[in-house]
C-alpha atoms as a PDB file:
ATOM      1  CA  MET A   1     108.401 104.578  48.145  1.00  0.00           C
ATOM      2  CA  GLY A   2     106.798 107.167  50.369  1.00  0.00           C
ATOM      3  CA  LEU A   3     106.367 106.574  54.072  1.00  0.00           C
ATOM      4  CA  MET A   4     103.053 106.671  55.839  1.00  0.00           C
ATOM      5  CA  ARG A   5     103.042 108.446  59.156  1.00  0.00           C
ATOM      6  CA  SER A   6     102.119 106.212  62.005  1.00  0.00           C
ATOM      7  CA  THR A   7      98.384 106.493  62.551  1.00  0.00           C
ATOM      8  CA  HIS A   8      97.882 104.442  65.736  1.00  0.00           C
ATOM      9  CA  ALA A   9      98.430 107.334  68.105  1.00  0.00           C
ATOM     10  CA  ARG A  10      96.508 109.797  65.936  1.00  0.00           C
ATOM     11  CA  ARG A  11      93.567 107.493  65.595  1.00  0.00           C
ATOM     12  CA  TRP A  12      93.431 107.245  69.411  1.00  0.00           C
ATOM     13  CA  LEU A  13      93.626 110.981  69.732  1.00  0.00           C
ATOM     14  CA  SER A  14      90.996 111.481  67.020  1.00  0.00           C
ATOM     15  CA  VAL A  15      88.486 109.766  69.285  1.00  0.00           C
ATOM     16  CA  LEU A  16      89.781 111.342  72.494  1.00  0.00           C
ATOM     17  CA  GLY A  17      87.199 114.067  72.158  1.00  0.00           C
ATOM     18  CA  ALA A  18      84.516 111.393  71.872  1.00  0.00           C
ATOM     19  CA  ILE A  19      85.824 109.647  74.977  1.00  0.00           C
ATOM     20  CA  CYS A  20      85.770 112.893  76.925  1.00  0.00           C
ATOM     21  CA  LEU A  21      82.347 113.528  75.434  1.00  0.00           C
ATOM     22  CA  PHE A  22      80.954 110.233  76.637  1.00  0.00           C
ATOM     23  CA  ALA A  23      82.391 110.884  80.090  1.00  0.00           C
ATOM     24  CA  LEU A  24      80.033 113.823  80.408  1.00  0.00           C
ATOM     25  CA  LEU A  25      77.023 111.475  80.348  1.00  0.00           C
ATOM     26  CA  PRO A  26      74.857 111.494  83.496  1.00  0.00           C
ATOM     27  CA  PRO A  27      74.859 108.286  85.583  1.00  0.00           C
ATOM     28  CA  THR A  28      71.188 107.586  84.868  1.00  0.00           C
ATOM     29  CA  ALA A  29      69.191 107.888  81.726  1.00  0.00           C
ATOM     30  CA  SER A  30      66.066 110.007  81.467  1.00  0.00           C
ATOM     31  CA  ALA A  31      62.555 108.717  80.894  1.00  0.00           C
ATOM     32  CA  THR A  32      61.264 108.422  77.346  1.00  0.00           C
ATOM     33  CA  PRO A  33      61.105 112.007  76.066  1.00  0.00           C
ATOM     34  CA  THR A  34      58.071 113.784  74.774  1.00  0.00           C
ATOM     35  CA  ALA A  35      58.173 116.814  72.456  1.00  0.00           C
ATOM     36  CA  ALA A  36      57.887 120.279  74.020  1.00  0.00           C
ATOM     37  CA  ALA A  37      56.761 123.286  71.981  1.00  0.00           C
ATOM     38  CA  THR A  38      58.771 126.444  71.969  1.00  0.00           C
ATOM     39  CA  THR A  39      57.311 129.181  74.154  1.00  0.00           C
ATOM     40  CA  ALA A  40      58.520 132.120  72.170  1.00  0.00           C
ATOM     41  CA  THR A  41      59.594 132.836  68.585  1.00  0.00           C
ATOM     42  CA  PRO A  42      63.367 132.958  68.397  1.00  0.00           C
ATOM     43  CA  THR A  43      64.195 136.317  66.858  1.00  0.00           C
ATOM     44  CA  ALA A  44      67.087 137.737  68.934  1.00  0.00           C
ATOM     45  CA  GLN A  45      70.363 138.055  67.101  1.00  0.00           C
ATOM     46  CA  ALA A  46      73.160 137.958  69.640  1.00  0.00           C
ATOM     47  CA  ALA A  47      76.774 138.495  68.569  1.00  0.00           C
ATOM     48  CA  ALA A  48      78.906 135.434  67.785  1.00  0.00           C
ATOM     49  CA  THR A  49      81.092 134.077  70.536  1.00  0.00           C
ATOM     50  CA  PRO A  50      84.704 135.252  70.005  1.00  0.00           C
ATOM     51  CA  ALA A  51      87.026 132.541  68.721  1.00  0.00           C
ATOM     52  CA  PRO A  52      90.307 131.722  70.545  1.00  0.00           C
ATOM     53  CA  THR A  53      93.258 133.797  69.485  1.00  0.00           C
ATOM     54  CA  PRO A  54      95.205 131.936  66.791  1.00  0.00           C
ATOM     55  CA  ALA A  55      98.851 131.200  67.281  1.00  0.00           C
ATOM     56  CA  ASP A  56     101.093 133.602  65.364  1.00  0.00           C
ATOM     57  CA  ASP A  57     102.478 131.072  62.884  1.00  0.00           C
ATOM     58  CA  THR A  58      99.273 129.251  62.027  1.00  0.00           C
ATOM     59  CA  PRO A  59      97.917 130.014  58.610  1.00  0.00           C
ATOM     60  CA  ALA A  60      95.536 132.959  58.076  1.00  0.00           C
ATOM     61  CA  ASP A  61      92.481 132.388  55.883  1.00  0.00           C
ATOM     62  CA  ASP A  62      93.834 134.429  52.978  1.00  0.00           C
ATOM     63  CA  THR A  63      97.327 132.936  52.914  1.00  0.00           C
ATOM     64  CA  THR A  64      98.920 130.056  51.124  1.00  0.00           C
ATOM     65  CA  THR A  65     100.831 127.843  53.513  1.00  0.00           C
ATOM     66  CA  THR A  66     103.695 125.494  52.611  1.00  0.00           C
ATOM     67  CA  GLY A  67     104.548 122.318  54.567  1.00  0.00           C
ATOM     68  CA  ASN A  68     105.031 118.608  54.395  1.00  0.00           C
ATOM     69  CA  ALA A  69     102.238 116.186  53.612  1.00  0.00           C
ATOM     70  CA  THR A  70     101.876 112.710  55.121  1.00  0.00           C
ATOM     71  CA  HIS A  71      98.940 110.314  54.713  1.00  0.00           C
ATOM     72  CA  PHE A  72      96.706 108.097  56.843  1.00  0.00           C
ATOM     73  CA  ASP A  73      94.212 105.366  55.993  1.00  0.00           C
ATOM     74  CA  GLY A  74      91.044 106.630  57.616  1.00  0.00           C
ATOM     75  CA  LEU A  75      89.234 108.237  60.558  1.00  0.00           C
ATOM     76  CA  GLY A  76      89.083 106.570  63.953  1.00  0.00           C
ATOM     77  CA  THR A  77      85.763 105.169  65.207  1.00  0.00           C
ATOM     78  CA  PRO A  78      83.137 106.158  65.906  1.00  0.00           C
ATOM     79  CA  TYR A  79      84.277 109.641  64.878  1.00  0.00           C
ATOM     80  CA  GLY A  80      87.110 111.613  63.429  1.00  0.00           C
ATOM     81  CA  GLY A  81      88.440 114.499  65.447  1.00  0.00           C
ATOM     82  CA  CYS A  82      85.643 116.856  64.214  1.00  0.00           C
ATOM     83  CA  GLY A  83      82.860 114.599  65.563  1.00  0.00           C
ATOM     84  CA  ILE A  84      81.629 113.199  62.193  1.00  0.00           C
ATOM     85  CA  PRO A  85      81.841 109.459  61.243  1.00  0.00           C
ATOM     86  CA  GLN A  86      83.845 108.894  58.090  1.00  0.00           C
ATOM     87  CA  ALA A  87      80.799 107.445  56.213  1.00  0.00           C
ATOM     88  CA  ASP A  88      78.882 110.690  56.844  1.00  0.00           C
ATOM     89  CA  LEU A  89      81.517 113.115  55.595  1.00  0.00           C
ATOM     90  CA  ASP A  90      80.681 115.376  52.627  1.00  0.00           C
ATOM     91  CA  SER A  91      83.788 113.957  50.887  1.00  0.00           C
ATOM     92  CA  GLN A  92      86.142 111.037  51.212  1.00  0.00           C
ATOM     93  CA  ASP A  93      88.946 113.423  50.232  1.00  0.00           C
ATOM     94  CA  PHE A  94      89.771 114.648  53.725  1.00  0.00           C
ATOM     95  CA  VAL A  95      92.663 115.949  55.783  1.00  0.00           C
ATOM     96  CA  ALA A  96      93.852 116.167  59.373  1.00  0.00           C
ATOM     97  CA  LEU A  97      95.312 119.436  60.779  1.00  0.00           C
ATOM     98  CA  ASN A  98      97.994 119.751  63.417  1.00  0.00           C
ATOM     99  CA  VAL A  99      96.577 120.118  66.960  1.00  0.00           C
ATOM    100  CA  PHE A 100      99.775 121.490  68.396  1.00  0.00           C
ATOM    101  CA  ASN A 101     102.599 123.833  67.490  1.00  0.00           C
ATOM    102  CA  THR A 102     105.190 122.591  69.977  1.00  0.00           C
ATOM    103  CA  PRO A 103     108.587 122.410  68.240  1.00  0.00           C
ATOM    104  CA  ASP A 104     110.385 122.018  71.555  1.00  0.00           C
ATOM    105  CA  ASP A 105     107.926 119.688  73.271  1.00  0.00           C
ATOM    106  CA  PRO A 106     106.779 116.433  71.725  1.00  0.00           C
ATOM    107  CA  ASP A 107     104.919 115.450  74.877  1.00  0.00           C
ATOM    108  CA  TYR A 108     102.494 118.371  75.352  1.00  0.00           C
ATOM    109  CA  ASN A 109      99.016 116.963  75.012  1.00  0.00           C
ATOM    110  CA  THR A 110      96.465 119.349  76.664  1.00  0.00           C
ATOM    111  CA  ARG A 111      93.235 119.385  74.632  1.00  0.00           C
ATOM    112  CA  PRO A 112      91.614 121.807  74.090  1.00  0.00           C
ATOM    113  CA  VAL A 113      94.714 124.028  74.233  1.00  0.00           C
ATOM    114  CA  PRO A 114      93.985 126.595  76.991  1.00  0.00           C
ATOM    115  CA  ALA A 115      94.152 130.299  76.334  1.00  0.00           C
ATOM    116  CA  GLN A 116      97.365 130.691  78.351  1.00  0.00           C
ATOM    117  CA  ASP A 117      99.024 128.201  75.901  1.00  0.00           C
ATOM    118  CA  ALA A 118      97.721 129.826  72.728  1.00  0.00           C
ATOM    119  CA  ALA A 119     101.198 129.865  71.191  1.00  0.00           C
ATOM    120  CA  LYS A 120     101.086 126.040  71.277  1.00  0.00           C
ATOM    121  CA  MET A 121      97.961 125.845  69.167  1.00  0.00           C
ATOM    122  CA  GLY A 122      98.288 124.364  65.686  1.00  0.00           C
ATOM    123  CA  SER A 123      96.187 124.899  62.604  1.00  0.00           C
ATOM    124  CA  TRP A 124      93.494 122.710  64.138  1.00  0.00           C
ATOM    125  CA  GLN A 125      92.650 125.813  66.267  1.00  0.00           C
ATOM    126  CA  ASN A 126      90.889 123.798  68.946  1.00  0.00           C
ATOM    127  CA  GLY A 127      88.498 122.421  66.339  1.00  0.00           C
ATOM    128  CA  LEU A 128      87.516 125.742  64.869  1.00  0.00           C
ATOM    129  CA  ASN A 129      88.717 124.755  61.376  1.00  0.00           C
ATOM    130  CA  CYS A 130      86.547 121.622  61.325  1.00  0.00           C
ATOM    131  CA  GLY A 131      84.211 121.293  58.343  1.00  0.00           C
ATOM    132  CA  ARG A 132      86.199 123.733  56.237  1.00  0.00           C
ATOM    133  CA  TRP A 133      87.754 122.982  52.824  1.00  0.00           C
ATOM    134  CA  VAL A 134      91.338 123.347  51.744  1.00  0.00           C
ATOM    135  CA  ARG A 135      92.796 123.487  48.251  1.00  0.00           C
ATOM    136  CA  VAL A 136      95.967 121.373  48.300  1.00  0.00           C
ATOM    137  CA  ASN A 137      98.754 121.783  45.666  1.00  0.00           C
ATOM    138  CA  ILE A 138     101.457 119.199  45.219  1.00  0.00           C
ATOM    139  CA  GLY A 139     105.018 120.477  45.503  1.00  0.00           C
ATOM    140  CA  ASP A 140     108.470 118.955  45.429  1.00  0.00           C
ATOM    141  CA  TYR A 141     109.453 115.343  45.932  1.00  0.00           C
ATOM    142  CA  CYS A 142     111.998 114.340  48.550  1.00  0.00           C
ATOM    143  CA  ASP A 143     114.884 112.439  46.987  1.00  0.00           C
ATOM    144  CA  GLY A 144     116.197 111.308  50.341  1.00  0.00           C
ATOM    145  CA  THR A 145     114.825 110.485  53.830  1.00  0.00           C
ATOM    146  CA  ASN A 146     111.663 112.195  55.046  1.00  0.00           C
ATOM    147  CA  ASP A 147     110.609 110.262  58.096  1.00  0.00           C
ATOM    148  CA  GLY A 148     109.424 112.942  60.539  1.00  0.00           C
ATOM    149  CA  ALA A 149     112.310 112.263  62.916  1.00  0.00           C
ATOM    150  CA  TRP A 150     112.454 114.778  65.776  1.00  0.00           C
ATOM    151  CA  ASN A 151     114.854 117.700  65.214  1.00  0.00           C
ATOM    152  CA  GLU A 152     116.010 116.330  61.844  1.00  0.00           C
ATOM    153  CA  PRO A 153     115.589 118.025  58.488  1.00  0.00           C
ATOM    154  CA  PHE A 154     112.408 116.870  56.772  1.00  0.00           C
ATOM    155  CA  CYS A 155     114.330 115.896  53.661  1.00  0.00           C
ATOM    156  CA  ARG A 156     117.880 114.814  54.375  1.00  0.00           C
ATOM    157  CA  ASP A 157     120.568 112.813  52.588  1.00  0.00           C
ATOM    158  CA  GLY A 158     120.077 111.951  48.925  1.00  0.00           C
ATOM    159  CA  GLY A 159     119.333 114.673  46.365  1.00  0.00           C
ATOM    160  CA  GLY A 160     117.061 116.817  48.524  1.00  0.00           C
ATOM    161  CA  TRP A 161     113.815 118.395  47.295  1.00  0.00           C
ATOM    162  CA  THR A 162     113.289 118.097  43.548  1.00  0.00           C
ATOM    163  CA  ALA A 163     110.482 119.095  41.187  1.00  0.00           C
ATOM    164  CA  ASP A 164     108.936 116.432  38.891  1.00  0.00           C
ATOM    165  CA  ALA A 165     105.984 115.835  36.639  1.00  0.00           C
ATOM    166  CA  TYR A 166     103.527 115.859  39.616  1.00  0.00           C
ATOM    167  CA  ASN A 167     104.230 119.389  40.748  1.00  0.00           C
ATOM    168  CA  GLY A 168     101.129 121.564  40.487  1.00  0.00           C
ATOM    169  CA  ALA A 169      98.553 118.721  40.870  1.00  0.00           C
ATOM    170  CA  THR A 170      95.630 119.920  42.986  1.00  0.00           C
ATOM    171  CA  LEU A 171      92.725 118.568  45.037  1.00  0.00           C
ATOM    172  CA  THR A 172      90.059 120.219  47.240  1.00  0.00           C
ATOM    173  CA  MET A 173      89.765 118.353  50.558  1.00  0.00           C
ATOM    174  CA  LEU A 174      87.642 118.488  53.729  1.00  0.00           C
ATOM    175  CA  VAL A 175      89.039 119.153  57.205  1.00  0.00           C
ATOM    176  CA  ALA A 176      87.775 116.143  59.204  1.00  0.00           C
ATOM    177  CA  ASP A 177      90.456 115.028  61.662  1.00  0.00           C
ATOM    178  CA  SER A 178      93.354 116.103  63.893  1.00  0.00           C
ATOM    179  CA  CYS A 179      97.001 115.170  64.059  1.00  0.00           C
ATOM    180  CA  ALA A 180      98.665 115.174  67.471  1.00  0.00           C
ATOM    181  CA  ASP A 181     101.409 112.557  67.117  1.00  0.00           C
ATOM    182  CA  PRO A 182     104.702 113.251  68.857  1.00  0.00           C
ATOM    183  CA  ASN A 183     106.706 113.481  65.597  1.00  0.00           C
ATOM    184  CA  ALA A 184     108.259 116.392  63.789  1.00  0.00           C
ATOM    185  CA  TRP A 185     105.527 116.515  61.131  1.00  0.00           C
ATOM    186  CA  CYS A 186     102.746 117.053  63.673  1.00  0.00           C
ATOM    187  CA  ARG A 187     104.711 119.279  66.084  1.00  0.00           C
ATOM    188  CA  GLN A 188     107.522 121.087  64.237  1.00  0.00           C
ATOM    189  CA  ASP A 189     105.867 121.828  60.846  1.00  0.00           C
ATOM    190  CA  PRO A 190     102.993 124.392  61.202  1.00  0.00           C
ATOM    191  CA  GLY A 191     102.088 123.862  57.535  1.00  0.00           C
ATOM    192  CA  HIS A 192     101.856 120.047  57.691  1.00  0.00           C
ATOM    193  CA  LEU A 193      98.703 118.296  56.437  1.00  0.00           C
ATOM    194  CA  ASP A 194      97.838 114.603  56.851  1.00  0.00           C
ATOM    195  CA  LEU A 195      95.988 113.498  53.769  1.00  0.00           C
ATOM    196  CA  ALA A 196      93.632 110.516  53.320  1.00  0.00           C
ATOM    197  CA  THR A 197      95.586 107.811  51.500  1.00  0.00           C
ATOM    198  CA  GLY A 198      92.708 107.133  49.155  1.00  0.00           C
ATOM    199  CA  SER A 199      92.841 110.694  47.916  1.00  0.00           C
ATOM    200  CA  LEU A 200      96.446 110.763  46.774  1.00  0.00           C
ATOM    201  CA  ASN A 201      95.872 109.393  43.305  1.00  0.00           C
ATOM    202  CA  ARG A 202      92.789 111.641  42.836  1.00  0.00           C
ATOM    203  CA  PHE A 203      94.836 114.740  42.594  1.00  0.00           C
ATOM    204  CA  THR A 204      94.371 116.283  39.154  1.00  0.00           C
ATOM    205  CA  LEU A 205      96.830 117.878  36.765  1.00  0.00           C
ATOM    206  CA  ASN A 206      95.740 119.456  33.486  1.00  0.00           C
ATOM    207  CA  GLY A 207      92.202 118.233  34.161  1.00  0.00           C
ATOM    208  CA  SER A 208      93.045 114.565  34.643  1.00  0.00           C
ATOM    209  CA  PRO A 209      93.759 112.457  37.788  1.00  0.00           C
ATOM    210  CA  VAL A 210      97.444 111.799  38.294  1.00  0.00           C
ATOM    211  CA  GLY A 211      96.652 108.096  38.942  1.00  0.00           C
ATOM    212  CA  ASP A 212     100.084 106.973  40.177  1.00  0.00           C
ATOM    213  CA  LEU A 213     101.331 109.662  42.558  1.00  0.00           C
ATOM    214  CA  TYR A 214     101.155 107.092  45.374  1.00  0.00           C
ATOM    215  CA  PRO A 215     103.122 105.105  46.354  1.00  0.00           C
ATOM    216  CA  ASP A 216     106.181 105.396  44.102  1.00  0.00           C
ATOM    217  CA  HIS A 217     106.173 109.235  43.702  1.00  0.00           C
ATOM    218  CA  TRP A 218     105.102 110.213  47.149  1.00  0.00           C
ATOM    219  CA  ASN A 219     107.685 110.178  49.993  1.00  0.00           C
ATOM    220  CA  ASN A 220     105.748 112.773  52.014  1.00  0.00           C
ATOM    221  CA  ARG A 221     106.046 115.559  49.484  1.00  0.00           C
ATOM    222  CA  GLN A 222     105.977 119.301  50.024  1.00  0.00           C
ATOM    223  CA  ILE A 223     102.542 120.916  49.528  1.00  0.00           C
ATOM    224  CA  SER A 224     101.002 124.311  49.571  1.00  0.00           C
ATOM    225  CA  TRP A 225      97.431 124.910  50.719  1.00  0.00           C
ATOM    226  CA  SER A 226      94.831 127.443  51.571  1.00  0.00           C
ATOM    227  CA  PHE A 227      91.244 127.553  52.858  1.00  0.00           C
ATOM    228  CA  VAL A 228      88.560 127.803  50.177  1.00  0.00           C
ATOM    229  CA  PRO A 229      84.722 127.911  50.203  1.00  0.00           C
ATOM    230  CA  ALA A 230      82.813 124.651  50.109  1.00  0.00           C
ATOM    231  CA  PRO A 231      82.826 123.536  46.416  1.00  0.00           C
ATOM    232  CA  ASP A 232      79.495 123.550  44.636  1.00  0.00           C
ATOM    233  CA  TYR A 233      77.618 123.982  47.881  1.00  0.00           C
ATOM    234  CA  SER A 234      73.867 123.489  47.792  1.00  0.00           C
ATOM    235  CA  GLY A 235      71.079 122.663  50.238  1.00  0.00           C
ATOM    236  CA  ASP A 236      71.472 123.343  53.928  1.00  0.00           C
ATOM    237  CA  ILE A 237      73.229 122.072  57.037  1.00  0.00           C
ATOM    238  CA  SER A 238      72.514 118.641  58.507  1.00  0.00           C
ATOM    239  CA  VAL A 239      72.074 117.851  62.219  1.00  0.00           C
ATOM    240  CA  ALA A 240      72.495 114.502  63.954  1.00  0.00           C
ATOM    241  CA  PHE A 241      72.487 113.418  67.578  1.00  0.00           C
ATOM    242  CA  MET A 242      75.658 111.669  68.671  1.00  0.00           C
ATOM    243  CA  GLN A 243      76.020 108.239  70.221  1.00  0.00           C
ATOM    244  CA  ASN A 244      74.651 108.140  73.802  1.00  0.00           C
ATOM    245  CA  ALA A 245      72.853 111.503  73.326  1.00  0.00           C
ATOM    246  CA  SER A 246      69.732 111.816  75.424  1.00  0.00           C
ATOM    247  CA  ALA A 247      67.494 114.451  77.024  1.00  0.00           C
ATOM    248  CA  ASP A 248      70.103 114.666  79.786  1.00  0.00           C
ATOM    249  CA  TRP A 249      72.973 115.051  77.404  1.00  0.00           C
ATOM    250  CA  PRO A 250      71.738 116.415  74.019  1.00  0.00           C
ATOM    251  CA  ALA A 251      74.956 116.355  72.025  1.00  0.00           C
ATOM    252  CA  VAL A 252      74.668 116.954  68.281  1.00  0.00           C
ATOM    253  CA  SER A 253      76.909 116.993  65.245  1.00  0.00           C
ATOM    254  CA  VAL A 254      76.470 119.748  62.627  1.00  0.00           C
ATOM    255  CA  ASN A 255      77.453 118.743  59.141  1.00  0.00           C
ATOM    256  CA  HIS A 256      77.315 119.833  55.475  1.00  0.00           C
ATOM    257  CA  LEU A 257      78.579 123.328  56.190  1.00  0.00           C
ATOM    258  CA  PRO A 258      79.017 126.100  53.584  1.00  0.00           C
ATOM    259  CA  ASN A 259      81.989 127.662  55.374  1.00  0.00           C
ATOM    260  CA  GLY A 260      82.982 125.694  58.482  1.00  0.00           C
ATOM    261  CA  ILE A 261      81.587 126.292  61.938  1.00  0.00           C
ATOM    262  CA  HIS A 262      82.689 128.614  64.770  1.00  0.00           C
ATOM    263  CA  GLY A 263      79.765 128.270  67.129  1.00  0.00           C
ATOM    264  CA  VAL A 264      76.221 127.195  67.785  1.00  0.00           C
ATOM    265  CA  ASP A 265      73.556 129.052  69.805  1.00  0.00           C
ATOM    266  CA  TYR A 266      70.553 127.361  71.294  1.00  0.00           C
ATOM    267  CA  PHE A 267      67.210 129.019  72.127  1.00  0.00           C
ATOM    268  CA  ASP A 268      65.752 128.258  75.559  1.00  0.00           C
ATOM    269  CA  GLY A 269      62.303 129.735  74.880  1.00  0.00           C
ATOM    270  CA  GLY A 270      63.284 133.234  75.846  1.00  0.00           C
ATOM    271  CA  SER A 271      66.767 134.061  74.628  1.00  0.00           C
ATOM    272  CA  TRP A 272      69.834 132.731  72.761  1.00  0.00           C
ATOM    273  CA  HIS A 273      72.761 131.124  74.531  1.00  0.00           C
ATOM    274  CA  SER A 274      76.172 129.838  73.350  1.00  0.00           C
ATOM    275  CA  ALA A 275      76.370 126.048  73.248  1.00  0.00           C
ATOM    276  CA  SER A 276      79.520 124.367  74.474  1.00  0.00           C
ATOM    277  CA  MET A 277      81.717 122.504  72.073  1.00  0.00           C
ATOM    278  CA  ASN A 278      82.510 118.903  73.022  1.00  0.00           C
ATOM    279  CA  SER A 279      86.203 119.082  73.972  1.00  0.00           C
ATOM    280  CA  ASP A 280      87.808 120.202  70.676  1.00  0.00           C
ATOM    281  CA  MET A 281      85.489 118.218  68.375  1.00  0.00           C
ATOM    282  CA  GLY A 282      84.701 121.228  66.306  1.00  0.00           C
ATOM    283  CA  GLN A 283      81.395 120.062  64.714  1.00  0.00           C
ATOM    284  CA  SER A 284      79.852 118.720  67.926  1.00  0.00           C
ATOM    285  CA  TYR A 285      77.989 120.825  70.513  1.00  0.00           C
ATOM    286  CA  VAL A 286      75.882 120.169  73.628  1.00  0.00           C
ATOM    287  CA  LEU A 287      72.530 121.928  73.618  1.00  0.00           C
ATOM    288  CA  GLN A 288      69.709 122.845  75.976  1.00  0.00           C
ATOM    289  CA  PRO A 289      66.025 122.390  75.062  1.00  0.00           C
ATOM    290  CA  ASP A 290      63.505 125.069  74.126  1.00  0.00           C
ATOM    291  CA  SER A 291      61.784 124.654  77.499  1.00  0.00           C
ATOM    292  CA  PRO A 292      62.877 123.004  80.769  1.00  0.00           C
ATOM    293  CA  GLY A 293      62.657 119.224  80.627  1.00  0.00           C
ATOM    294  CA  GLY A 294      61.729 119.266  76.973  1.00  0.00           C
ATOM    295  CA  THR A 295      63.201 117.412  74.005  1.00  0.00           C
ATOM    296  CA  GLN A 296      62.765 120.071  71.265  1.00  0.00           C
ATOM    297  CA  TYR A 297      65.745 122.161  70.298  1.00  0.00           C
ATOM    298  CA  THR A 298      66.230 125.283  68.289  1.00  0.00           C
ATOM    299  CA  ILE A 299      69.690 126.337  67.107  1.00  0.00           C
ATOM    300  CA  ARG A 300      71.484 128.745  64.809  1.00  0.00           C
ATOM    301  CA  VAL A 301      75.018 128.287  63.526  1.00  0.00           C
ATOM    302  CA  TYR A 302      78.004 130.603  63.017  1.00  0.00           C
ATOM    303  CA  ASP A 303      80.421 129.960  60.158  1.00  0.00           C
ATOM    304  CA  ALA A 304      84.224 130.403  60.092  1.00  0.00           C
ATOM    305  CA  ASP A 305      83.871 134.118  59.430  1.00  0.00           C
ATOM    306  CA  GLY A 306      81.644 134.557  62.469  1.00  0.00           C
ATOM    307  CA  ASP A 307      78.523 135.128  60.317  1.00  0.00           C
ATOM    308  CA  LEU A 308      75.251 133.363  60.940  1.00  0.00           C
ATOM    309  CA  VAL A 309      74.723 130.516  58.480  1.00  0.00           C
ATOM    310  CA  GLN A 310      72.005 131.092  55.920  1.00  0.00           C
ATOM    311  CA  GLY A 311      71.486 134.687  57.062  1.00  0.00           C
ATOM    312  CA  GLY A 312      70.536 133.674  60.639  1.00  0.00           C
ATOM    313  CA  ARG A 313      68.189 130.813  59.762  1.00  0.00           C
ATOM    314  CA  THR A 314      67.031 128.841  62.801  1.00  0.00           C
ATOM    315  CA  TYR A 315      66.635 125.082  62.886  1.00  0.00           C
ATOM    316  CA  THR A 316      64.167 123.367  65.219  1.00  0.00           C
ATOM    317  CA  PHE A 317      64.129 119.575  65.797  1.00  0.00           C
ATOM    318  CA  ASP A 318      63.319 116.868  68.330  1.00  0.00           C
ATOM    319  CA  LEU A 319      65.354 114.194  70.024  1.00  0.00           C
ATOM    320  CA  PRO A 320      64.452 110.933  68.284  1.00  0.00           C
ATOM    321  CA  SER A 321      62.057 108.796  70.252  1.00  0.00           C
ATOM    322  CA  ASP A 322      64.449 105.842  70.208  1.00  0.00           C
ATOM    323  CA  CYS A 323      67.139 107.931  71.940  1.00  0.00           C
ATOM    324  CA  GLY A 324      65.246 108.196  75.232  1.00  0.00           C
ATOM    325  CA  GLY A 325      67.815 106.042  76.983  1.00  0.00           C
ATOM    326  CA  GLY A 326      70.674 107.269  74.811  1.00  0.00           C
ATOM    327  CA  CYS A 327      71.139 107.073  71.017  1.00  0.00           C
ATOM    328  CA  ALA A 328      72.629 103.672  70.098  1.00  0.00           C
ATOM    329  CA  ASN A 329      74.072 104.732  66.710  1.00  0.00           C
ATOM    330  CA  ALA A 330      77.126 106.888  66.188  1.00  0.00           C
ATOM    331  CA  TYR A 331      75.196 109.267  63.954  1.00  0.00           C
ATOM    332  CA  ASN A 332      71.446 109.894  64.281  1.00  0.00           C
ATOM    333  CA  PRO A 333      70.207 112.415  61.704  1.00  0.00           C
ATOM    334  CA  VAL A 334      67.088 114.452  62.401  1.00  0.00           C
ATOM    335  CA  SER A 335      64.669 116.393  60.273  1.00  0.00           C
ATOM    336  CA  TYR A 336      64.137 120.059  61.178  1.00  0.00           C
ATOM    337  CA  THR A 337      61.948 123.015  60.519  1.00  0.00           C
ATOM    338  CA  THR A 338      63.474 126.405  59.713  1.00  0.00           C
ATOM    339  CA  GLY A 339      62.655 129.902  60.815  1.00  0.00           C
END
């Protein structure tokens, strides 16, 4: 039977960004907001904010990466590491990426990873791979022990890595969470993915679900994977205010992305400015209003290639009236107009 990687620590870390995010709240809530109209038409097209330099051994977009796969039962609450509740994900087939690449240090835990420690950055890339999709291919089975023990081979004793009838099964999965546990999988294997347990038997081979890959044929198998475009994408992005968001702390989540998210700009009535990501929660940003003291916001979004989403489309929306003292729900979707 395959082993499930311990998820207690990862679940705590998956909401660490949310905890840091809530810590940014002001000590007093604002008065009930009223809508403020924009004072200028947002037309400027500033360049995208440069992304942090990837670590040398994290996967490039056009490469296929090989590593070990573990599995976990679900996202933490109220959010996974990307800042989206599990119920609001585009797919329940989701993965967690390694936050760190620290093969000699299981205790390093600085998030976001600062620029001077870029070599310690895992494929999570400080949240910049949130909302992207990966095509995962099942590889060899470990006929032996594969427990993520520190400084031990990933498959030791027994018969080693062996191919079987499940090799080549595939599934397209959404990046929704982060893995920062102090084990060898999350620290010593740059190609490691943590897969949602419920997805394992939905891998397909020759057009049909495998059905019984997990648990008896699992044992934290080898996999290969690569980033791919969002499958069958249609429609447009969605925007939601986060729990405790208010006029004093207008934090939003950006979801349903065609090609991930590498930045958000907000319009302040005169020019565009780069919004700040919430810690390393890659789909969550803190905005500023269209006009001082207002509760109307206009944004544009950059994808994983640094291109403006939908050709530079702008999205204008208001803080919900029931969020005047802070949004009570974890996810508070809003309607928007486009420009």
